[in-house]
Amino acid sequence: MAIKAKKLQPAKVEAIAEAKSILEGYPEYIFTEYRGLTVAQISELRRKLSEKNCEFKVMKNNFARVAFEELKVENVADFLSGPTAIALVKEDSNEVAKILFDFAKDTPVLSIKGAYIENSVYDAAKIEAYSKLPSKKQLITMFACALNSTTQKFAATLQAIVDKKNAEGAN
């Protein structure tokens, strides 16, 4: 739970409102610790993430905590300690997680704390396992290929039966 002052300062109220307006535009969040990353490394990571329609934001933990509470995103306060950057995900969250884990392999100072995906909280181990799954688009493609293959085999079998009947009728 965030600490709320008795007398709210206008600058802090504005900062919380800004954090809330940024966060509410995204349904899923992946929390990372970026301590030790250089500006060049953060810029490279942001570029990679932007290809997946994802933003990588650093915000004050207390402002983010209050904004998440107001957005009714629960159980993410534990991830908001220390230097935290949030990957704001619109779609393909496991693709974003793959990018983050691949980047963390090359740059071990980046660590993934956890995530909030599809109204569920994932710890670091669970989000790593999730990152290894195929994306929704890949699964749809795999399903369509399997369906197409089955349909083609069925059509070929029917055509073979028709050809056999025609060959028997010609004799």
Foldseek 3Di string as FASTA:
>chain_A
DADDDPDDDPVLVVLLVVLLVVQVVFDKKWKKADPPDDPVLVVVLQVVLVVQVKGKAWDQLRSNVVSCVVVVLPDCSVSSDHGMIMIGHRFQVLCNLLSQVVSCVVVVSMATAWMQPPSDTGGRVRSNVSNPDDGPVVVVVVVVVVVVVVVVVVVVVVVVVVVVVVVVVVD
